[in-house]
Amino acid sequence: MAGQNRSEIRPGLQVEVVLKADQRTGKKTRGVVKDILTNSANHPHGIKVRLADGQVGRVCTILPAGSGPVPK
């Protein structure tokens, strides 16, 4: 699932994001959504979120429930 629509994302979801520092490489970071930072209904590069560990990035994938624990 892509993360371009705000309506698909809610706190507590497990997602993969691309952090600002990793935009050139496209490296994905897995985490749990704490806050949704993008106000618009959709964004072509992904909705910006803050993860539970404080990192901020744009959602590229919404992971299915039960996809395993979030690595530390």
PDB file of N, CA and C in Angstrom:
ATOM      1  N   MET A   1       0.833  -1.172   0.000  1.00  0.00           N
ATOM      2  CA  MET A   1       0.000   0.000   0.000  1.00  0.00           C
ATOM      3  C   MET A   1       0.883   1.242   0.000  1.00  0.00           C
ATOM      4  N   ALA A   2       0.546   2.202  -0.813  1.00  0.00           N
ATOM      5  CA  ALA A   2       1.301   3.448  -0.856  1.00  0.00           C
ATOM      6  C   ALA A   2       0.823   4.371   0.255  1.00  0.00           C
ATOM      7  N   GLY A   3       1.621   5.347   0.604  1.00  0.00           N
ATOM      8  CA  GLY A   3       1.268   6.267   1.680  1.00  0.00           C
ATOM      9  C   GLY A   3       1.003   7.669   1.195  1.00  0.00           C
ATOM     10  N   GLN A   4       0.339   7.813   0.053  1.00  0.00           N
ATOM     11  CA  GLN A   4       0.122   9.138  -0.524  1.00  0.00           C
ATOM     12  C   GLN A   4      -1.182   9.788  -0.089  1.00  0.00           C
ATOM     13  N   ASN A   5      -2.092   9.029   0.508  1.00  0.00           N
ATOM     14  CA  ASN A   5      -3.370   9.580   0.963  1.00  0.00           C
ATOM     15  C   ASN A   5      -3.420   9.631   2.476  1.00  0.00           C
ATOM     16  N   ARG A   6      -3.731  10.809   2.998  1.00  0.00           N
ATOM     17  CA  ARG A   6      -3.759  11.015   4.447  1.00  0.00           C
ATOM     18  C   ARG A   6      -4.807  10.130   5.124  1.00  0.00           C
ATOM     19  N   SER A   7      -5.912   9.857   4.425  1.00  0.00           N
ATOM     20  CA  SER A   7      -6.995   9.070   5.008  1.00  0.00           C
ATOM     21  C   SER A   7      -6.584   7.626   5.292  1.00  0.00           C
ATOM     22  N   GLU A   8      -5.518   7.125   4.646  1.00  0.00           N
ATOM     23  CA  GLU A   8      -5.058   5.755   4.856  1.00  0.00           C
ATOM     24  C   GLU A   8      -4.154   5.614   6.080  1.00  0.00           C
ATOM     25  N   ILE A   9      -3.697   6.741   6.618  1.00  0.00           N
ATOM     26  CA  ILE A   9      -2.679   6.718   7.675  1.00  0.00           C
ATOM     27  C   ILE A   9      -3.290   7.183   8.984  1.00  0.00           C
ATOM     28  N   ARG A  10      -2.968   6.467  10.060  1.00  0.00           N
ATOM     29  CA  ARG A  10      -3.431   6.861  11.387  1.00  0.00           C
ATOM     30  C   ARG A  10      -2.375   6.447  12.409  1.00  0.00           C
ATOM     31  N   PRO A  11      -2.361   7.108  13.546  1.00  0.00           N
ATOM     32  CA  PRO A  11      -1.396   6.738  14.587  1.00  0.00           C
ATOM     33  C   PRO A  11      -1.532   5.269  14.972  1.00  0.00           C
ATOM     34  N   GLY A  12      -0.390   4.632  15.187  1.00  0.00           N
ATOM     35  CA  GLY A  12      -0.361   3.229  15.564  1.00  0.00           C
ATOM     36  C   GLY A  12      -0.081   2.291  14.404  1.00  0.00           C
ATOM     37  N   LEU A  13      -0.196   2.767  13.163  1.00  0.00           N
ATOM     38  CA  LEU A  13       0.095   1.919  12.012  1.00  0.00           C
ATOM     39  C   LEU A  13       1.588   1.698  11.876  1.00  0.00           C
ATOM     40  N   GLN A  14       1.957   0.520  11.426  1.00  0.00           N
ATOM     41  CA  GLN A  14       3.358   0.224  11.143  1.00  0.00           C
ATOM     42  C   GLN A  14       3.610   0.567   9.676  1.00  0.00           C
ATOM     43  N   VAL A  15       4.637   1.389   9.427  1.00  0.00           N
ATOM     44  CA  VAL A  15       4.916   1.890   8.085  1.00  0.00           C
ATOM     45  C   VAL A  15       6.411   1.854   7.788  1.00  0.00           C
ATOM     46  N   GLU A  16       6.741   2.021   6.509  1.00  0.00           N
ATOM     47  CA  GLU A  16       8.113   2.272   6.093  1.00  0.00           C
ATOM     48  C   GLU A  16       8.153   3.695   5.568  1.00  0.00           C
ATOM     49  N   VAL A  17       9.140   4.467   6.026  1.00  0.00           N
ATOM     50  CA  VAL A  17       9.292   5.848   5.597  1.00  0.00           C
ATOM     51  C   VAL A  17      10.678   6.055   5.007  1.00  0.00           C
ATOM     52  N   VAL A  18      10.794   7.107   4.211  1.00  0.00           N
ATOM     53  CA  VAL A  18      12.096   7.555   3.738  1.00  0.00           C
ATOM     54  C   VAL A  18      12.397   8.837   4.501  1.00  0.00           C
ATOM     55  N   LEU A  19      13.459   8.803   5.289  1.00  0.00           N
ATOM     56  CA  LEU A  19      13.871   9.974   6.059  1.00  0.00           C
ATOM     57  C   LEU A  19      14.478  11.013   5.124  1.00  0.00           C
ATOM     58  N   LYS A  20      14.470  12.275   5.530  1.00  0.00           N
ATOM     59  CA  LYS A  20      15.041  13.351   4.720  1.00  0.00           C
ATOM     60  C   LYS A  20      16.496  13.051   4.342  1.00  0.00           C
ATOM     61  N   ALA A  21      17.259  12.572   5.283  1.00  0.00           N
ATOM     62  CA  ALA A  21      18.678  12.271   5.036  1.00  0.00           C
ATOM     63  C   ALA A  21      18.868  11.124   4.053  1.00  0.00           C
ATOM     64  N   ASP A  22      17.846  10.295   3.900  1.00  0.00           N
ATOM     65  CA  ASP A  22      17.951   9.119   3.032  1.00  0.00           C
ATOM     66  C   ASP A  22      17.244   9.291   1.688  1.00  0.00           C
ATOM     67  N   GLN A  23      16.799  10.506   1.367  1.00  0.00           N
ATOM     68  CA  GLN A  23      16.057  10.706   0.122  1.00  0.00           C
ATOM     69  C   GLN A  23      16.887  10.367  -1.112  1.00  0.00           C
ATOM     70  N   ARG A  24      18.175  10.662  -1.088  1.00  0.00           N
ATOM     71  CA  ARG A  24      19.021  10.370  -2.255  1.00  0.00           C
ATOM     72  C   ARG A  24      19.181   8.874  -2.482  1.00  0.00           C
ATOM     73  N   THR A  25      19.297   8.109  -1.399  1.00  0.00           N
ATOM     74  CA  THR A  25      19.513   6.673  -1.526  1.00  0.00           C
ATOM     75  C   THR A  25      18.201   5.894  -1.564  1.00  0.00           C
ATOM     76  N   GLY A  26      17.146   6.463  -1.005  1.00  0.00           N
ATOM     77  CA  GLY A  26      15.859   5.771  -0.954  1.00  0.00           C
ATOM     78  C   GLY A  26      15.774   4.726   0.144  1.00  0.00           C
ATOM     79  N   LYS A  27      16.734   4.755   1.086  1.00  0.00           N
ATOM     80  CA  LYS A  27      16.741   3.788   2.199  1.00  0.00           C
ATOM     81  C   LYS A  27      15.468   3.955   3.030  1.00  0.00           C
ATOM     82  N   LYS A  28      14.814   2.838   3.319  1.00  0.00           N
ATOM     83  CA  LYS A  28      13.566   2.868   4.071  1.00  0.00           C
ATOM     84  C   LYS A  28      13.816   2.542   5.536  1.00  0.00           C
ATOM     85  N   THR A  29      13.051   3.191   6.394  1.00  0.00           N
ATOM     86  CA  THR A  29      13.111   2.976   7.832  1.00  0.00           C
ATOM     87  C   THR A  29      11.735   2.535   8.291  1.00  0.00           C
ATOM     88  N   ARG A  30      11.673   1.476   9.079  1.00  0.00           N
ATOM     89  CA  ARG A  30      10.402   0.943   9.555  1.00  0.00           C
ATOM     90  C   ARG A  30      10.096   1.524  10.930  1.00  0.00           C
ATOM     91  N   GLY A  31       8.823   1.833  11.171  1.00  0.00           N
ATOM     92  CA  GLY A  31       8.429   2.354  12.471  1.00  0.00           C
ATOM     93  C   GLY A  31       6.924   2.428  12.612  1.00  0.00           C
ATOM     94  N   VAL A  32       6.494   2.946  13.760  1.00  0.00           N
ATOM     95  CA  VAL A  32       5.072   3.089  14.075  1.00  0.00           C
ATOM     96  C   VAL A  32       4.730   4.576  14.073  1.00  0.00           C
ATOM     97  N   VAL A  33       3.638   4.931  13.397  1.00  0.00           N
ATOM     98  CA  VAL A  33       3.221   6.324  13.280  1.00  0.00           C
ATOM     99  C   VAL A  33       2.789   6.859  14.640  1.00  0.00           C
ATOM    100  N   LYS A  34       3.355   8.008  15.017  1.00  0.00           N
ATOM    101  CA  LYS A  34       2.942   8.707  16.233  1.00  0.00           C
ATOM    102  C   LYS A  34       2.070   9.905  15.866  1.00  0.00           C
ATOM    103  N   ASP A  35       2.536  10.731  14.916  1.00  0.00           N
ATOM    104  CA  ASP A  35       1.821  11.939  14.494  1.00  0.00           C
ATOM    105  C   ASP A  35       1.833  12.039  12.980  1.00  0.00           C
ATOM    106  N   ILE A  36       0.766  12.599  12.419  1.00  0.00           N
ATOM    107  CA  ILE A  36       0.705  12.907  10.996  1.00  0.00           C
ATOM    108  C   ILE A  36       1.016  14.389  10.846  1.00  0.00           C
ATOM    109  N   LEU A  37       2.038  14.714  10.053  1.00  0.00           N
ATOM    110  CA  LEU A  37       2.492  16.092   9.939  1.00  0.00           C
ATOM    111  C   LEU A  37       1.986  16.807   8.692  1.00  0.00           C
ATOM    112  N   THR A  38       1.608  16.079   7.651  1.00  0.00           N
ATOM    113  CA  THR A  38       1.094  16.684   6.427  1.00  0.00           C
ATOM    114  C   THR A  38      -0.382  17.017   6.632  1.00  0.00           C
ATOM    115  N   ASN A  39      -0.757  18.268   6.314  1.00  0.00           N
ATOM    116  CA  ASN A  39      -2.148  18.692   6.490  1.00  0.00           C
ATOM    117  C   ASN A  39      -3.019  18.407   5.272  1.00  0.00           C
ATOM    118  N   SER A  40      -2.426  18.358   4.078  1.00  0.00           N
ATOM    119  CA  SER A  40      -3.231  18.156   2.870  1.00  0.00           C
ATOM    120  C   SER A  40      -3.743  16.719   2.790  1.00  0.00           C
ATOM    121  N   ALA A  41      -4.792  16.506   2.004  1.00  0.00           N
ATOM    122  CA  ALA A  41      -5.431  15.195   1.885  1.00  0.00           C
ATOM    123  C   ALA A  41      -4.535  14.173   1.210  1.00  0.00           C
ATOM    124  N   ASN A  42      -3.656  14.627   0.314  1.00  0.00           N
ATOM    125  CA  ASN A  42      -2.711  13.717  -0.333  1.00  0.00           C
ATOM    126  C   ASN A  42      -1.452  14.466  -0.710  1.00  0.00           C
ATOM    127  N   HIS A  43      -0.393  13.707  -0.952  1.00  0.00           N
ATOM    128  CA  HIS A  43       0.897  14.289  -1.321  1.00  0.00           C
ATOM    129  C   HIS A  43       1.606  13.299  -2.236  1.00  0.00           C
ATOM    130  N   PRO A  44       2.104  13.755  -3.396  1.00  0.00           N
ATOM    131  CA  PRO A  44       2.700  12.828  -4.363  1.00  0.00           C
ATOM    132  C   PRO A  44       3.947  12.102  -3.871  1.00  0.00           C
ATOM    133  N   HIS A  45       4.664  12.667  -2.904  1.00  0.00           N
ATOM    134  CA  HIS A  45       5.884  12.030  -2.403  1.00  0.00           C
ATOM    135  C   HIS A  45       5.642  11.239  -1.121  1.00  0.00           C
ATOM    136  N   GLY A  46       4.412  11.211  -0.641  1.00  0.00           N
ATOM    137  CA  GLY A  46       4.080  10.496   0.589  1.00  0.00           C
ATOM    138  C   GLY A  46       3.747  11.451   1.718  1.00  0.00           C
ATOM    139  N   ILE A  47       2.888  11.021   2.609  1.00  0.00           N
ATOM    140  CA  ILE A  47       2.474  11.821   3.760  1.00  0.00           C
ATOM    141  C   ILE A  47       3.605  11.837   4.780  1.00  0.00           C
ATOM    142  N   LYS A  48       3.916  13.032   5.273  1.00  0.00           N
ATOM    143  CA  LYS A  48       4.994  13.163   6.262  1.00  0.00           C
ATOM    144  C   LYS A  48       4.449  12.818   7.647  1.00  0.00           C
ATOM    145  N   VAL A  49       5.185  11.954   8.352  1.00  0.00           N
ATOM    146  CA  VAL A  49       4.780  11.511   9.690  1.00  0.00           C
ATOM    147  C   VAL A  49       5.963  11.552  10.653  1.00  0.00           C
ATOM    148  N   ARG A  50       5.637  11.588  11.935  1.00  0.00           N
ATOM    149  CA  ARG A  50       6.643  11.416  12.989  1.00  0.00           C
ATOM    150  C   ARG A  50       6.436  10.014  13.547  1.00  0.00           C
ATOM    151  N   LEU A  51       7.504   9.260  13.609  1.00  0.00           N
ATOM    152  CA  LEU A  51       7.438   7.902  14.144  1.00  0.00           C
ATOM    153  C   LEU A  51       7.509   7.937  15.667  1.00  0.00           C
ATOM    154  N   ALA A  52       7.184   6.827  16.291  1.00  0.00           N
ATOM    155  CA  ALA A  52       7.186   6.717  17.749  1.00  0.00           C
ATOM    156  C   ALA A  52       8.556   7.022  18.342  1.00  0.00           C
ATOM    157  N   ASP A  53       9.632   6.748  17.588  1.00  0.00           N
ATOM    158  CA  ASP A  53      10.980   7.024  18.092  1.00  0.00           C
ATOM    159  C   ASP A  53      11.448   8.454  17.795  1.00  0.00           C
ATOM    160  N   GLY A  54      10.573   9.291  17.204  1.00  0.00           N
ATOM    161  CA  GLY A  54      10.882  10.701  16.977  1.00  0.00           C
ATOM    162  C   GLY A  54      11.395  11.034  15.584  1.00  0.00           C
ATOM    163  N   GLN A  55      11.710  10.047  14.772  1.00  0.00           N
ATOM    164  CA  GLN A  55      12.197  10.302  13.420  1.00  0.00           C
ATOM    165  C   GLN A  55      11.038  10.788  12.533  1.00  0.00           C
ATOM    166  N   VAL A  56      11.361  11.650  11.557  1.00  0.00           N
ATOM    167  CA  VAL A  56      10.360  12.207  10.658  1.00  0.00           C
ATOM    168  C   VAL A  56      10.698  11.798   9.233  1.00  0.00           C
ATOM    169  N   GLY A  57       9.686  11.335   8.507  1.00  0.00           N
ATOM    170  CA  GLY A  57       9.899  10.952   7.113  1.00  0.00           C
ATOM    171  C   GLY A  57       8.586  10.858   6.376  1.00  0.00           C
ATOM    172  N   ARG A  58       8.681  10.565   5.079  1.00  0.00           N
ATOM    173  CA  ARG A  58       7.494  10.429   4.238  1.00  0.00           C
ATOM    174  C   ARG A  58       7.172   8.947   4.051  1.00  0.00           C
ATOM    175  N   VAL A  59       5.895   8.612   4.245  1.00  0.00           N
ATOM    176  CA  VAL A  59       5.449   7.224   4.155  1.00  0.00           C
ATOM    177  C   VAL A  59       5.570   6.741   2.715  1.00  0.00           C
ATOM    178  N   CYS A  60       6.241   5.612   2.530  1.00  0.00           N
ATOM    179  CA  CYS A  60       6.322   4.994   1.209  1.00  0.00           C
ATOM    180  C   CYS A  60       5.551   3.683   1.177  1.00  0.00           C
ATOM    181  N   THR A  61       5.391   3.033   2.332  1.00  0.00           N
ATOM    182  CA  THR A  61       4.665   1.771   2.399  1.00  0.00           C
ATOM    183  C   THR A  61       3.935   1.664   3.731  1.00  0.00           C
ATOM    184  N   ILE A  62       2.669   1.243   3.669  1.00  0.00           N
ATOM    185  CA  ILE A  62       1.917   0.918   4.881  1.00  0.00           C
ATOM    186  C   ILE A  62       1.992  -0.600   5.018  1.00  0.00           C
ATOM    187  N   LEU A  63       2.547  -1.060   6.109  1.00  0.00           N
ATOM    188  CA  LEU A  63       2.748  -2.493   6.304  1.00  0.00           C
ATOM    189  C   LEU A  63       1.478  -3.147   6.837  1.00  0.00           C
ATOM    190  N   PRO A  64       1.215  -4.383   6.426  1.00  0.00           N
ATOM    191  CA  PRO A  64       0.025  -5.087   6.921  1.00  0.00           C
ATOM    192  C   PRO A  64       0.146  -5.376   8.418  1.00  0.00           C
ATOM    193  N   ALA A  65      -0.993  -5.456   9.079  1.00  0.00           N
ATOM    194  CA  ALA A  65      -1.009  -5.772  10.508  1.00  0.00           C
ATOM    195  C   ALA A  65      -0.365  -7.138  10.725  1.00  0.00           C
ATOM    196  N   GLY A  66       0.413  -7.241  11.776  1.00  0.00           N
ATOM    197  CA  GLY A  66       1.057  -8.503  12.095  1.00  0.00           C
ATOM    198  C   GLY A  66       2.278  -8.783  11.238  1.00  0.00           C
ATOM    199  N   SER A  67       2.909  -7.735  10.710  1.00  0.00           N
ATOM    200  CA  SER A  67       4.072  -7.943   9.852  1.00  0.00           C
ATOM    201  C   SER A  67       5.369  -8.061  10.644  1.00  0.00           C
ATOM    202  N   GLY A  68       5.236  -8.269  11.929  1.00  0.00           N
ATOM    203  CA  GLY A  68       6.421  -8.478  12.749  1.00  0.00           C
ATOM    204  C   GLY A  68       6.770  -7.256  13.566  1.00  0.00           C
ATOM    205  N   PRO A  69       7.668  -7.413  14.511  1.00  0.00           N
ATOM    206  CA  PRO A  69       8.062  -6.298  15.362  1.00  0.00           C
ATOM    207  C   PRO A  69       8.895  -5.270  14.610  1.00  0.00           C
ATOM    208  N   VAL A  70       8.854  -4.068  15.109  1.00  0.00           N
ATOM    209  CA  VAL A  70       9.653  -2.981  14.518  1.00  0.00           C
ATOM    210  C   VAL A  70      11.081  -3.137  15.007  1.00  0.00           C
ATOM    211  N   PRO A  71      12.072  -3.225  14.080  1.00  0.00           N
ATOM    212  CA  PRO A  71      13.471  -3.343  14.521  1.00  0.00           C
ATOM    213  C   PRO A  71      13.933  -2.069  15.207  1.00  0.00           C
ATOM    214  N   LYS A  72      14.844  -2.204  16.182  1.00  0.00           N
ATOM    215  CA  LYS A  72      15.338  -1.023  16.892  1.00  0.00           C
ATOM    216  C   LYS A  72      16.587  -0.494  16.267  1.00  0.00           C
TER     217      LYS A  72
END
